[in-house]
Amino acid sequence: MSASHPPRGTSRRHVLGGAGLGLLALALGACSSRETVAAAGSAAGSGGFTVTDMRGIEVSFDAPVQRIATTVIPSPSMLAAVDGGYERIVGINESTLQANKQGLFGEMYPESKSTTTISPSSFTPNIETITKLQPDVVFQWADQGDGLVEPLENAGFKTVCLLYGTQEYLETWVQLFSTILGKQERGTEIVDWMHAEIARLEKELSGVLTPVRVVHLGQSGDGYSASNKSSYMHYWMELAGGRNMAADNISAENVVSAEQLITWDPEVITLGGFDARTPAEVYADKSLASVSAVRNRRVYKAPLGGYRWEVPCAESPLMWQWAAELYHPQLTGHTLRAAMAEKIAYLYNYEMSEAQIDAALRMELNRESAGYDVFRG
């Protein structure tokens, strides 16, 4: 793998060496049987090209795009990872802007902290603002109702729609973005890395006979919501050797009661990054005092790297590794910090400092949780 520019950050040295090339070779050998959902039509080059979006609609372009607006919250970090920079992104979701201000992405790309917002977290596009930005393409959800897509198309914007929830969909995003940006080789490298990590984790955890009971929680008012089997979180929980106790949770907004959590009795609880709830707050929740994860201090706030790791993003393989090292510390090599340094440099041309790795891993928020010292530098 090769980045188009030396890493930015604390020094200018390259961190992708033999290990990175070996990983790509493993991907090409071990994962040849995996196929990604076809997304690209004709390849982007100096001339025109066509992509088929995730509605099955063909969208044609005269040349690789130069101005991108997107309501889809995780997409800017993925676009930057595929493109090797942030320069083409002109409009984002309000929720994305808040994540940029909180985490590493804003340090890597300071301009991302002041990017114009084109929609609130509800994804409703602000047509007036988008018109002023004059994007070459707008990314929007494919399955959240015509009220989100039709206004964009009626205003004449080329609109590419995305679906969410599976690893195959994530890989399709990468393919679409790499075609639209004219970076097909780069997109292939990123997908191959994902395949290699899937193969590695499946081999590493092949001896797991009894998956760890786990849940991934968000905040719902003063209570909790739990990710079910329709979420991307379910994918990585199972890949990392966990059993998602909330897989069949179909309550409104995925709300889950304390009584249900007690019944499920998860051994590990992970907390999402879309709210401010911390492990300390869960430990202090007397209604959950009998839950194994609380009694044994195995509640962890998910990392925030270039984006919130728990949802589909360019850094998803790092989330898989983080979860595996928490669920099965005796079976893993605890190499996450080194992997972060290498892959952030590859994805974003940026070299993280040790302090930035600590911040991304939420070392301070997770300091009272059992076993988290394995991530300490």
Protein backbone atom coordinates (compact mmCIF):
# COMPACT_ATOMS: atom_id res chain seq x y z
CA MET A 1 0.00 0.00 0.00
CA SER A 2 1.17 3.47 -0.69
CA ALA A 3 -0.13 6.86 0.34
CA SER A 4 0.01 9.76 -2.07
CA HIS A 5 1.73 12.00 0.47
CA PRO A 6 3.98 11.46 3.50
CA PRO A 7 2.12 11.27 6.82
CA ARG A 8 1.28 14.57 8.46
CA GLY A 9 1.55 14.95 12.22
CA THR A 10 4.36 14.73 14.70
CA SER A 11 6.94 13.65 12.10
CA ARG A 12 7.20 12.99 8.38
CA ARG A 13 8.26 9.37 8.38
CA HIS A 14 6.33 6.60 6.63
CA VAL A 15 4.93 3.90 8.87
CA LEU A 16 3.69 1.48 6.20
CA GLY A 17 6.43 -1.02 5.60
CA GLY A 18 6.69 -4.77 5.18
CA ALA A 19 3.86 -5.44 7.62
CA GLY A 20 1.43 -3.38 5.55
CA LEU A 21 2.45 -5.04 2.31
CA GLY A 22 2.22 -8.45 3.96
CA LEU A 23 -1.30 -7.66 5.10
CA LEU A 24 -2.33 -6.77 1.56
CA ALA A 25 -0.83 -10.03 0.30
CA LEU A 26 -2.81 -11.93 2.94
CA ALA A 27 -5.97 -10.15 1.80
CA LEU A 28 -5.44 -11.12 -1.82
CA GLY A 29 -4.79 -14.73 -0.92
CA ALA A 30 -7.12 -15.45 1.98
CA CYS A 31 -10.16 -13.43 0.91
CA SER A 32 -10.45 -14.12 -2.79
CA SER A 33 -13.73 -15.95 -2.17
CA ARG A 34 -15.41 -12.86 -0.69
CA GLU A 35 -17.25 -10.64 -3.16
CA THR A 36 -18.31 -7.06 -2.66
CA VAL A 37 -21.70 -5.82 -3.83
CA ALA A 38 -21.16 -4.32 -7.29
CA ALA A 39 -21.48 -0.57 -7.20
CA ALA A 40 -19.33 0.96 -9.89
CA GLY A 41 -20.44 1.18 -13.48
CA SER A 42 -17.71 2.48 -15.74
CA ALA A 43 -14.46 3.62 -14.16
CA ALA A 44 -13.73 7.28 -13.53
CA GLY A 45 -10.86 8.79 -15.41
CA SER A 46 -10.29 12.02 -17.29
CA GLY A 47 -13.58 11.49 -19.13
CA GLY A 48 -17.12 10.67 -18.09
CA PHE A 49 -18.27 7.69 -16.06
CA THR A 50 -21.40 6.19 -14.51
CA VAL A 51 -22.08 4.63 -11.12
CA THR A 52 -25.07 2.64 -9.95
CA ASP A 53 -26.11 3.81 -6.52
CA MET A 54 -27.66 1.62 -3.81
CA ARG A 55 -31.20 2.24 -5.10
CA GLY A 56 -30.12 0.71 -8.39
CA ILE A 57 -30.21 4.13 -10.07
CA GLU A 58 -27.50 5.04 -12.57
CA VAL A 59 -25.87 8.43 -12.05
CA SER A 60 -23.54 9.79 -14.74
CA PHE A 61 -20.68 12.26 -14.39
CA ASP A 62 -18.55 14.08 -16.94
CA ALA A 63 -15.38 13.75 -14.80
CA PRO A 64 -14.27 12.87 -11.25
CA VAL A 65 -16.12 15.21 -8.91
CA GLN A 66 -14.44 18.15 -7.21
CA ARG A 67 -17.17 19.33 -4.80
CA ILE A 68 -19.02 16.91 -2.50
CA ALA A 69 -21.93 17.49 -0.11
CA THR A 70 -23.25 14.68 2.08
CA THR A 71 -25.98 14.28 4.67
CA VAL A 72 -24.69 10.79 5.56
CA ILE A 73 -22.95 11.12 8.91
CA PRO A 74 -19.94 8.74 8.61
CA SER A 75 -19.22 9.41 4.94
CA PRO A 76 -16.83 12.42 5.13
CA SER A 77 -14.13 10.46 6.97
CA MET A 78 -14.49 7.62 4.45
CA LEU A 79 -14.29 10.05 1.55
CA ALA A 80 -11.14 11.58 3.05
CA ALA A 81 -9.63 8.12 3.55
CA VAL A 82 -10.28 7.15 -0.07
CA ASP A 83 -9.16 10.52 -1.43
CA GLY A 84 -6.17 11.04 0.86
CA GLY A 85 -7.47 14.47 1.85
CA TYR A 86 -10.49 16.61 2.74
CA GLU A 87 -10.30 19.22 0.00
CA ARG A 88 -13.34 18.10 -2.02
CA ILE A 89 -15.84 18.05 0.86
CA VAL A 90 -17.92 21.24 1.01
CA GLY A 91 -21.03 20.25 3.01
CA ILE A 92 -21.75 17.81 5.86
CA ASN A 93 -24.31 16.74 8.46
CA GLU A 94 -24.52 18.67 11.74
CA SER A 95 -23.76 15.46 13.66
CA THR A 96 -20.61 14.97 11.59
CA LEU A 97 -19.52 18.50 12.42
CA GLN A 98 -19.87 17.80 16.15
CA ALA A 99 -17.77 14.63 15.83
CA ASN A 100 -15.12 16.58 13.89
CA LYS A 101 -14.92 19.11 16.72
CA GLN A 102 -14.60 16.40 19.38
CA GLY A 103 -12.09 13.97 17.97
CA LEU A 104 -9.04 13.26 15.89
CA PHE A 105 -10.57 14.16 12.53
CA GLY A 106 -10.64 17.85 13.38
CA GLU A 107 -6.98 17.68 14.38
CA MET A 108 -6.05 15.97 11.13
CA TYR A 109 -8.18 18.30 9.01
CA PRO A 110 -8.82 21.57 10.88
CA GLU A 111 -11.02 22.83 8.05
CA SER A 112 -13.51 20.04 8.85
CA LYS A 113 -14.47 21.84 12.07
CA SER A 114 -15.95 24.74 10.12
CA THR A 115 -17.44 22.95 7.11
CA THR A 116 -20.89 24.19 6.13
CA THR A 117 -23.72 21.97 7.41
CA ILE A 118 -26.34 20.96 4.85
CA SER A 119 -28.63 18.95 7.12
CA PRO A 120 -29.41 18.29 10.77
CA SER A 121 -29.01 14.81 12.25
CA SER A 122 -32.43 13.96 10.75
CA PHE A 123 -30.78 14.09 7.26
CA THR A 124 -33.31 16.58 5.84
CA PRO A 125 -31.35 18.49 3.17
CA ASN A 126 -31.21 22.27 3.24
CA ILE A 127 -31.71 22.94 -0.44
CA GLU A 128 -30.93 26.65 -0.19
CA THR A 129 -27.58 26.00 1.46
CA ILE A 130 -26.70 23.18 -0.93
CA THR A 131 -27.52 25.41 -3.91
CA LYS A 132 -25.04 28.00 -2.66
CA LEU A 133 -22.34 25.33 -2.32
CA GLN A 134 -22.83 24.07 -5.91
CA PRO A 135 -21.70 20.47 -5.28
CA ASP A 136 -20.99 18.08 -8.13
CA VAL A 137 -22.64 15.28 -6.13
CA VAL A 138 -24.77 14.93 -3.00
CA PHE A 139 -24.78 11.72 -0.94
CA GLN A 140 -28.07 10.84 0.76
CA TRP A 141 -29.71 7.78 2.33
CA ALA A 142 -31.54 5.44 -0.04
CA ASP A 143 -34.12 4.09 2.41
CA GLN A 144 -35.21 6.92 4.70
CA GLY A 145 -38.13 8.11 2.56
CA ASP A 146 -38.60 10.07 -0.67
CA GLY A 147 -38.83 13.29 1.30
CA LEU A 148 -35.05 13.19 1.73
CA VAL A 149 -34.12 12.38 -1.89
CA GLU A 150 -36.76 14.01 -4.07
CA PRO A 151 -35.98 17.60 -3.02
CA LEU A 152 -32.35 17.09 -4.07
CA GLU A 153 -33.21 15.58 -7.43
CA ASN A 154 -35.96 18.11 -8.08
CA ALA A 155 -33.37 20.85 -7.51
CA GLY A 156 -31.16 19.26 -10.17
CA PHE A 157 -28.42 17.79 -7.97
CA LYS A 158 -26.72 14.55 -8.93
CA THR A 159 -27.73 12.41 -5.94
CA VAL A 160 -26.04 9.13 -5.04
CA CYS A 161 -27.94 7.17 -2.40
CA LEU A 162 -26.49 4.78 0.17
CA LEU A 163 -27.74 1.90 2.34
CA TYR A 164 -26.52 1.08 5.85
CA GLY A 165 -26.16 -1.92 8.10
CA THR A 166 -23.86 -4.62 6.71
CA GLN A 167 -20.19 -5.10 5.93
CA GLU A 168 -21.08 -5.63 2.27
CA TYR A 169 -22.78 -2.23 2.23
CA LEU A 170 -19.71 -0.64 3.78
CA GLU A 171 -17.54 -2.13 1.05
CA THR A 172 -19.98 -0.81 -1.56
CA TRP A 173 -19.55 2.68 -0.11
CA VAL A 174 -15.81 2.38 -0.56
CA GLN A 175 -16.26 1.23 -4.16
CA LEU A 176 -18.68 4.05 -4.96
CA PHE A 177 -16.48 6.69 -3.38
CA SER A 178 -13.32 5.43 -5.07
CA THR A 179 -15.00 5.46 -8.48
CA ILE A 180 -16.51 8.91 -8.03
CA LEU A 181 -13.17 10.27 -6.78
CA GLY A 182 -11.16 8.53 -9.50
CA LYS A 183 -9.24 6.46 -6.90
CA GLN A 184 -10.23 2.87 -7.75
CA GLU A 185 -6.90 1.34 -6.75
CA ARG A 186 -7.06 3.03 -3.38
CA GLY A 187 -10.59 1.71 -2.82
CA THR A 188 -9.48 -1.82 -3.66
CA GLU A 189 -6.62 -1.58 -1.14
CA ILE A 190 -8.97 -0.49 1.65
CA VAL A 191 -11.45 -3.30 0.96
CA ASP A 192 -8.60 -5.83 0.77
CA TRP A 193 -7.39 -4.66 4.19
CA MET A 194 -10.89 -5.23 5.58
CA HIS A 195 -10.98 -8.73 4.12
CA ALA A 196 -7.57 -9.52 5.58
CA GLU A 197 -8.69 -8.42 9.05
CA ILE A 198 -11.85 -10.50 8.83
CA ALA A 199 -9.77 -13.56 7.93
CA ARG A 200 -7.27 -12.85 10.71
CA LEU A 201 -9.92 -12.45 13.40
CA GLU A 202 -11.84 -15.52 12.26
CA LYS A 203 -8.64 -17.55 12.55
CA GLU A 204 -7.55 -15.95 15.83
CA LEU A 205 -10.92 -16.57 17.47
CA SER A 206 -11.66 -19.94 15.91
CA GLY A 207 -11.20 -21.62 19.29
CA VAL A 208 -13.99 -19.64 20.96
CA LEU A 209 -16.60 -22.22 21.97
CA THR A 210 -18.84 -19.95 24.03
CA PRO A 211 -19.16 -16.38 22.78
CA VAL A 212 -19.08 -13.63 25.40
CA ARG A 213 -22.49 -12.17 26.25
CA VAL A 214 -22.37 -8.56 25.05
CA VAL A 215 -24.54 -5.52 24.38
CA HIS A 216 -23.80 -2.19 22.75
CA LEU A 217 -25.75 0.61 24.38
CA GLY A 218 -26.73 4.13 23.41
CA GLN A 219 -28.65 6.71 25.37
CA SER A 220 -32.42 7.05 25.09
CA GLY A 221 -33.60 9.90 27.29
CA ASP A 222 -32.44 8.94 30.75
CA GLY A 223 -32.45 5.27 29.78
CA TYR A 224 -30.76 2.99 27.28
CA SER A 225 -31.10 1.74 23.74
CA ALA A 226 -29.47 -1.50 22.56
CA SER A 227 -28.19 -2.31 19.06
CA ASN A 228 -30.08 -5.22 17.50
CA LYS A 229 -29.23 -7.58 14.64
CA SER A 230 -30.19 -5.03 11.98
CA SER A 231 -27.31 -2.77 13.04
CA TYR A 232 -23.68 -2.75 11.97
CA MET A 233 -22.76 -3.10 15.63
CA HIS A 234 -24.24 -6.60 15.57
CA TYR A 235 -21.79 -7.50 12.81
CA TRP A 236 -18.64 -6.57 14.69
CA MET A 237 -19.90 -7.93 18.02
CA GLU A 238 -20.25 -11.38 16.48
CA LEU A 239 -17.04 -11.11 14.42
CA ALA A 240 -15.13 -10.29 17.63
CA GLY A 241 -16.41 -13.39 19.39
CA GLY A 242 -19.44 -11.97 21.16
CA ARG A 243 -23.09 -12.96 21.36
CA ASN A 244 -25.30 -9.90 20.94
CA MET A 245 -27.91 -10.35 23.65
CA ALA A 246 -30.02 -7.59 22.08
CA ALA A 247 -30.06 -9.22 18.62
CA ASP A 248 -33.85 -9.64 18.70
CA ASN A 249 -34.60 -6.37 20.49
CA ILE A 250 -37.37 -4.81 18.39
CA SER A 251 -38.77 -2.29 20.80
CA ALA A 252 -39.49 1.26 19.61
CA GLU A 253 -36.20 3.14 19.06
CA ASN A 254 -34.41 0.01 20.39
CA VAL A 255 -35.17 1.14 23.94
CA VAL A 256 -34.25 -1.46 26.55
CA SER A 257 -35.21 -1.55 30.21
CA ALA A 258 -32.99 -2.22 33.19
CA GLU A 259 -35.02 -5.37 33.82
CA GLN A 260 -34.21 -6.65 30.34
CA LEU A 261 -30.51 -5.91 30.76
CA ILE A 262 -30.56 -7.82 34.05
CA THR A 263 -32.19 -10.77 32.28
CA TRP A 264 -29.65 -10.71 29.47
CA ASP A 265 -26.82 -10.29 32.02
CA PRO A 266 -24.13 -9.20 29.51
CA GLU A 267 -20.53 -9.89 30.46
CA VAL A 268 -19.31 -6.88 28.47
CA ILE A 269 -21.10 -3.61 27.73
CA THR A 270 -19.80 -1.15 25.14
CA LEU A 271 -21.12 2.40 24.95
CA GLY A 272 -21.62 4.31 21.71
CA GLY A 273 -20.12 7.63 20.76
CA PHE A 274 -23.28 9.52 19.80
CA ASP A 275 -23.94 10.55 23.39
CA ALA A 276 -21.89 11.53 26.43
CA ARG A 277 -22.68 8.58 28.71
CA THR A 278 -19.57 7.11 30.35
CA PRO A 279 -18.67 3.83 32.04
CA ALA A 280 -18.62 5.68 35.38
CA GLU A 281 -22.28 6.62 34.92
CA VAL A 282 -23.23 3.01 34.17
CA TYR A 283 -21.33 1.78 37.23
CA ALA A 284 -23.25 4.34 39.29
CA ASP A 285 -26.64 3.17 37.94
CA LYS A 286 -28.01 1.22 40.90
CA SER A 287 -30.67 -0.44 38.74
CA LEU A 288 -27.86 -2.30 36.89
CA ALA A 289 -25.78 -3.25 39.93
CA SER A 290 -26.43 -6.97 39.49
CA VAL A 291 -25.42 -7.12 35.81
CA SER A 292 -22.17 -9.07 35.30
CA ALA A 293 -20.52 -6.35 33.19
CA VAL A 294 -21.19 -3.80 35.92
CA ARG A 295 -20.15 -6.02 38.82
CA ASN A 296 -16.92 -6.98 37.04
CA ARG A 297 -16.19 -3.46 35.74
CA ARG A 298 -16.34 -4.47 32.08
CA VAL A 299 -18.10 -1.42 30.62
CA TYR A 300 -16.20 0.49 27.92
CA LYS A 301 -16.71 3.66 25.89
CA ALA A 302 -16.12 2.97 22.19
CA PRO A 303 -13.20 4.80 20.52
CA LEU A 304 -13.42 7.99 18.50
CA GLY A 305 -10.69 8.09 15.87
CA GLY A 306 -11.18 9.75 12.51
CA TYR A 307 -14.81 8.92 13.18
CA ARG A 308 -16.92 7.05 15.75
CA TRP A 309 -15.61 3.54 15.34
CA GLU A 310 -18.80 1.64 16.17
CA VAL A 311 -20.55 2.56 12.91
CA PRO A 312 -19.37 1.69 9.38
CA CYS A 313 -16.31 3.76 8.55
CA ALA A 314 -12.86 3.52 7.01
CA GLU A 315 -11.45 2.52 10.41
CA SER A 316 -13.94 -0.29 11.08
CA PRO A 317 -11.27 -3.04 11.22
CA LEU A 318 -9.72 -1.20 14.17
CA MET A 319 -13.09 -1.38 15.96
CA TRP A 320 -13.25 -5.10 15.31
CA GLN A 321 -9.81 -5.54 16.84
CA TRP A 322 -10.69 -3.34 19.84
CA ALA A 323 -13.78 -5.44 20.57
CA ALA A 324 -11.90 -8.73 20.15
CA GLU A 325 -9.19 -7.61 22.56
CA LEU A 326 -11.86 -6.72 25.13
CA TYR A 327 -13.99 -9.83 24.68
CA HIS A 328 -11.14 -12.36 24.48
CA PRO A 329 -7.97 -10.80 25.90
CA GLN A 330 -6.36 -14.23 26.31
CA LEU A 331 -6.65 -15.00 22.57
CA THR A 332 -5.47 -11.72 21.06
CA GLY A 333 -2.07 -10.18 20.57
CA HIS A 334 -2.94 -6.69 21.88
CA THR A 335 -1.43 -4.88 18.91
CA LEU A 336 -4.14 -2.27 18.51
CA ARG A 337 -1.99 0.78 19.24
CA ALA A 338 0.53 -0.20 16.57
CA ALA A 339 -2.28 -0.95 14.14
CA MET A 340 -3.80 2.47 14.82
CA ALA A 341 -0.54 4.28 14.13
CA GLU A 342 -0.02 2.37 10.88
CA LYS A 343 -3.55 2.58 9.53
CA ILE A 344 -4.31 6.19 10.44
CA ALA A 345 -1.10 7.09 8.60
CA TYR A 346 -2.25 5.10 5.59
CA LEU A 347 -5.87 6.26 5.57
CA TYR A 348 -5.36 9.94 6.33
CA ASN A 349 -1.66 10.66 5.69
CA TYR A 350 -1.33 11.64 9.35
CA GLU A 351 0.94 10.31 12.08
CA MET A 352 -0.75 10.14 15.47
CA SER A 353 1.06 11.04 18.66
CA GLU A 354 0.86 8.76 21.68
CA ALA A 355 -1.43 11.30 23.34
CA GLN A 356 -3.76 11.24 20.33
CA ILE A 357 -3.90 7.44 20.45
CA ASP A 358 -4.79 7.68 24.15
CA ALA A 359 -7.54 10.18 23.38
CA ALA A 360 -8.97 8.10 20.52
CA LEU A 361 -9.07 5.03 22.76
CA ARG A 362 -10.77 7.03 25.53
CA MET A 363 -8.11 5.98 28.00
CA GLU A 364 -9.32 8.48 30.60
CA LEU A 365 -13.02 7.54 30.35
CA ASN A 366 -12.16 3.82 30.48
CA ARG A 367 -9.49 4.02 33.16
CA GLU A 368 -11.66 2.38 35.86
CA SER A 369 -12.74 -0.50 33.61
CA ALA A 370 -11.17 -3.92 34.00
CA GLY A 371 -8.39 -4.91 31.63
CA TYR A 372 -8.21 -1.60 29.77
CA ASP A 373 -4.55 -1.18 30.64
CA VAL A 374 -3.76 -3.51 27.72
CA PHE A 375 -4.31 -0.49 25.49
CA ARG A 376 -1.94 1.75 27.41
CA GLY A 377 1.26 2.86 25.68
